[in-house]
N, C-alpha and C. Protein backbone atom coordinates (compact mmCIF):
# COMPACT_ATOMS: atom_id res chain seq x y z
N MET A 1 85.71 121.11 84.42
CA MET A 1 86.69 121.50 84.07
C MET A 1 87.75 120.28 83.79
N ASN A 2 87.28 120.73 82.16
CA ASN A 2 88.66 120.35 80.72
C ASN A 2 90.00 120.73 81.08
N LEU A 3 91.18 120.09 81.36
CA LEU A 3 92.21 120.42 80.83
C LEU A 3 92.73 119.19 80.57
N ARG A 4 94.03 119.21 79.30
CA ARG A 4 93.86 119.18 78.89
C ARG A 4 95.63 118.56 79.16
N THR A 5 96.46 118.93 80.08
CA THR A 5 98.05 118.72 80.16
C THR A 5 98.01 119.78 82.09
N TRP A 6 97.83 118.66 82.79
CA TRP A 6 98.38 119.10 83.91
C TRP A 6 99.36 118.43 84.92
N THR A 7 99.93 119.20 86.30
CA THR A 7 101.24 119.47 86.59
C THR A 7 100.97 118.92 87.75
N PHE A 8 101.24 118.24 88.75
CA PHE A 8 101.15 119.21 90.60
C PHE A 8 102.85 119.86 90.97
N GLY A 9 103.09 120.49 91.50
CA GLY A 9 104.12 121.19 92.09
C GLY A 9 104.17 120.26 93.66
N VAL A 10 105.16 120.46 93.95
CA VAL A 10 105.24 120.04 95.62
C VAL A 10 107.14 120.93 95.91
N VAL A 11 106.02 121.47 96.71
CA VAL A 11 107.91 122.34 97.85
C VAL A 11 107.87 121.60 98.89
N ASN A 12 108.35 121.77 100.03
CA ASN A 12 109.02 121.33 101.25
C ASN A 12 109.25 122.11 101.79
N ALA A 13 108.11 123.20 102.99
CA ALA A 13 108.12 124.48 103.28
C ALA A 13 108.21 124.41 104.60
N SER A 14 109.03 123.15 105.35
CA SER A 14 109.57 122.55 106.57
C SER A 14 110.46 123.86 106.87
N THR A 15 110.43 124.27 108.29
CA THR A 15 110.98 125.36 108.55
C THR A 15 112.35 124.10 109.64
N THR A 16 112.51 123.14 109.27
CA THR A 16 113.30 122.35 110.34
C THR A 16 113.62 121.21 109.18
N ILE A 17 114.97 121.16 109.88
CA ILE A 17 114.92 119.20 108.68
C ILE A 17 114.55 118.11 109.10
N ALA A 18 113.34 117.93 107.72
CA ALA A 18 112.20 117.06 108.01
C ALA A 18 111.82 116.89 106.64
N PRO A 19 112.54 115.80 105.92
CA PRO A 19 112.42 114.66 105.13
C PRO A 19 111.43 114.89 104.39
N ALA A 20 110.47 114.67 103.47
CA ALA A 20 109.57 113.51 102.97
C ALA A 20 109.70 113.12 101.81
N THR A 21 108.00 111.91 101.60
CA THR A 21 108.55 111.39 100.52
C THR A 21 107.29 111.76 99.84
N VAL A 22 107.23 111.43 99.01
CA VAL A 22 105.30 111.76 97.55
C VAL A 22 105.81 111.30 96.50
N LYS A 23 104.16 110.71 96.39
CA LYS A 23 104.58 110.41 94.76
C LYS A 23 102.60 110.38 94.76
N LEU A 24 102.99 110.64 93.39
CA LEU A 24 101.14 110.35 92.60
C LEU A 24 100.75 109.50 91.95
N GLN A 25 99.22 109.50 92.60
CA GLN A 25 98.88 108.75 92.22
C GLN A 25 97.36 108.40 92.02
N ILE A 26 96.71 107.71 90.97
CA ILE A 26 95.96 107.84 90.00
C ILE A 26 94.87 106.62 90.27
N SER A 27 93.42 107.04 90.05
CA SER A 27 92.70 106.14 90.26
C SER A 27 91.09 106.56 89.27
N PRO A 28 91.10 105.34 88.71
CA PRO A 28 89.61 105.35 87.84
C PRO A 28 88.36 106.02 88.77
N ASP A 29 88.35 105.67 89.89
CA ASP A 29 86.62 105.05 90.76
C ASP A 29 87.32 105.88 91.92
N GLY A 30 87.90 106.56 92.25
CA GLY A 30 88.14 107.06 94.05
C GLY A 30 88.55 106.56 94.46
N SER A 31 87.86 104.94 94.60
CA SER A 31 88.59 103.78 95.94
C SER A 31 89.72 103.46 95.49
N SER A 32 89.80 102.55 94.60
CA SER A 32 91.71 101.82 94.13
C SER A 32 92.72 102.82 93.21
N TRP A 33 93.36 103.05 94.54
CA TRP A 33 95.04 103.71 94.23
C TRP A 33 95.39 103.25 93.23
N ILE A 34 96.43 103.21 91.69
CA ILE A 34 98.17 103.35 92.05
C ILE A 34 98.37 104.51 91.66
N ASP A 35 99.85 104.05 91.96
CA ASP A 35 101.15 105.03 92.44
C ASP A 35 101.78 105.00 90.49
N GLU A 36 101.64 106.13 90.42
CA GLU A 36 102.21 106.60 88.81
C GLU A 36 103.07 106.69 89.00
N ALA A 37 103.79 108.17 89.47
CA ALA A 37 105.32 108.32 89.79
C ALA A 37 105.37 108.21 90.53
N GLY A 38 107.30 108.75 91.17
CA GLY A 38 107.24 108.86 93.36
C GLY A 38 107.73 107.16 92.86
N PRO A 39 108.55 107.11 94.36
CA PRO A 39 108.34 107.81 96.10
C PRO A 39 109.79 109.07 95.23
N VAL A 40 109.27 109.92 96.10
CA VAL A 40 110.27 111.44 95.89
C VAL A 40 110.97 111.39 96.86
N THR A 41 111.86 111.33 97.16
CA THR A 41 112.32 112.45 98.48
C THR A 41 112.97 113.74 98.69
N LEU A 42 112.12 114.56 99.20
CA LEU A 42 112.14 115.83 98.80
C LEU A 42 112.97 116.13 100.20
N ASN A 43 113.64 117.01 100.54
CA ASN A 43 113.92 117.63 101.73
C ASN A 43 113.82 118.92 101.96
N THR A 44 114.01 119.20 102.98
CA THR A 44 113.34 120.50 103.03
C THR A 44 114.58 121.73 102.49
N GLY A 45 113.48 123.18 101.53
CA GLY A 45 113.21 123.39 100.49
C GLY A 45 113.38 123.06 98.50
N ASP A 46 113.36 121.78 98.61
CA ASP A 46 113.55 121.25 97.74
C ASP A 46 111.60 120.79 97.15
N VAL A 47 112.01 121.38 95.64
CA VAL A 47 111.07 121.56 94.95
C VAL A 47 110.80 120.30 93.37
N THR A 48 109.72 119.58 93.41
CA THR A 48 109.03 118.60 92.65
C THR A 48 108.11 118.55 91.84
N THR A 49 108.13 118.11 90.69
CA THR A 49 107.32 117.82 90.00
C THR A 49 106.54 117.00 89.54
N LEU A 50 105.23 116.02 89.85
CA LEU A 50 104.63 114.98 89.21
C LEU A 50 103.64 115.15 88.62
N VAL A 51 103.63 114.37 87.32
CA VAL A 51 102.61 114.59 86.25
C VAL A 51 103.04 112.71 85.80
N SER A 52 101.17 112.60 85.97
CA SER A 52 100.60 111.17 84.79
C SER A 52 100.94 110.91 83.49
N ALA A 53 101.54 109.59 83.00
CA ALA A 53 101.29 109.35 81.64
C ALA A 53 99.89 109.09 81.61
N ILE A 54 99.10 108.59 82.48
CA ILE A 54 98.80 107.22 81.93
C ILE A 54 97.24 108.74 82.37
N PHE A 55 95.79 108.81 81.93
CA PHE A 55 95.04 109.16 82.40
C PHE A 55 93.41 108.43 82.83
N LEU A 56 93.67 108.38 83.92
CA LEU A 56 92.28 108.23 84.93
C LEU A 56 91.54 109.58 85.42
N LYS A 57 90.07 109.39 86.30
CA LYS A 57 89.25 110.55 86.62
C LYS A 57 89.52 111.04 87.80
N TYR A 58 90.32 109.66 88.86
CA TYR A 58 90.79 111.05 90.11
C TYR A 58 92.27 110.46 89.60
N ALA A 59 93.01 111.42 90.48
CA ALA A 59 94.80 111.79 90.75
C ALA A 59 94.85 112.85 92.57
N ARG A 60 95.90 112.51 93.22
CA ARG A 60 96.09 112.26 94.39
C ARG A 60 97.49 112.40 94.83
N ILE A 61 97.99 113.75 95.19
CA ILE A 61 99.43 113.28 95.94
C ILE A 61 99.51 112.97 97.57
N TYR A 62 100.03 111.51 97.74
CA TYR A 62 99.97 110.87 98.59
C TYR A 62 101.18 111.16 99.44
N TYR A 63 101.61 111.48 100.66
CA TYR A 63 103.21 111.63 101.34
C TYR A 63 103.40 111.67 102.36
N ALA A 64 104.46 111.67 103.36
CA ALA A 64 104.68 110.83 104.83
C ALA A 64 105.83 111.30 105.04
N ALA A 65 105.94 111.97 106.46
CA ALA A 65 107.30 112.16 106.84
C ALA A 65 108.37 110.34 106.69
N VAL A 66 109.06 111.06 106.43
CA VAL A 66 110.20 110.14 106.55
C VAL A 66 110.68 109.25 108.16
N ASP A 67 111.23 111.08 109.45
CA ASP A 67 110.19 110.78 110.12
C ASP A 67 109.63 110.86 110.64
N SER A 68 108.46 109.78 111.48
CA SER A 68 107.29 110.08 111.51
C SER A 68 107.40 111.56 112.94
N ASN A 69 108.10 111.60 113.45
CA ASN A 69 107.90 112.61 114.86
C ASN A 69 108.59 114.01 114.74
N SER A 70 109.06 113.67 113.05
CA SER A 70 109.63 115.22 112.01
C SER A 70 108.47 116.15 111.73
N ALA A 71 107.53 116.84 111.64
CA ALA A 71 107.00 117.48 111.84
C ALA A 71 106.75 118.39 110.09
N VAL A 72 106.42 118.29 109.19
CA VAL A 72 106.19 118.28 107.97
C VAL A 72 105.36 119.13 107.38
N THR A 73 105.87 120.36 106.59
CA THR A 73 105.07 121.74 105.95
C THR A 73 105.18 120.40 104.55
N LEU A 74 103.85 120.63 103.84
CA LEU A 74 104.23 121.11 102.38
C LEU A 74 103.78 121.56 101.60
N ASN A 75 104.22 122.49 100.63
CA ASN A 75 103.15 123.38 100.46
C ASN A 75 102.82 122.32 98.43
N ILE A 76 100.90 121.94 98.27
CA ILE A 76 101.43 120.95 97.19
C ILE A 76 100.19 122.22 95.74
N PHE A 77 100.45 122.24 94.68
CA PHE A 77 100.17 123.20 93.65
C PHE A 77 99.73 122.18 92.89
N PHE A 78 97.96 122.08 92.58
CA PHE A 78 98.54 122.15 91.28
C PHE A 78 97.63 122.65 89.48
N GLN A 79 98.18 122.68 89.27
CA GLN A 79 98.35 123.17 87.99
C GLN A 79 97.76 123.04 86.12
N GLY A 80 97.26 123.25 85.59
CA GLY A 80 96.55 122.62 83.98
C GLY A 80 96.03 124.13 83.44
N GLN A 81 96.52 123.40 81.92
CA GLN A 81 95.25 124.28 81.76
C GLN A 81 94.60 123.67 79.80
N SER A 82 93.84 124.65 79.63
CA SER A 82 92.88 123.60 78.62
C SER A 82 92.82 123.65 77.47
């Protein structure tokens, strides 16, 4: 699949107050990761988009609960256009 442009959309869909941080990471080899966008703090119900300004073969979303005792539900969407 060859995509000309792409975006990750992230929704904090937690049912309780559970903020999370998210950031976009990219990699040339799937092993060495570079922080490209973020970190962004998402409170419950918040939405953000993450887009890379640099092209590399691999991309992923790194995420973590702000409070390690909170259960966080994130819906992560990937949308691209060829």
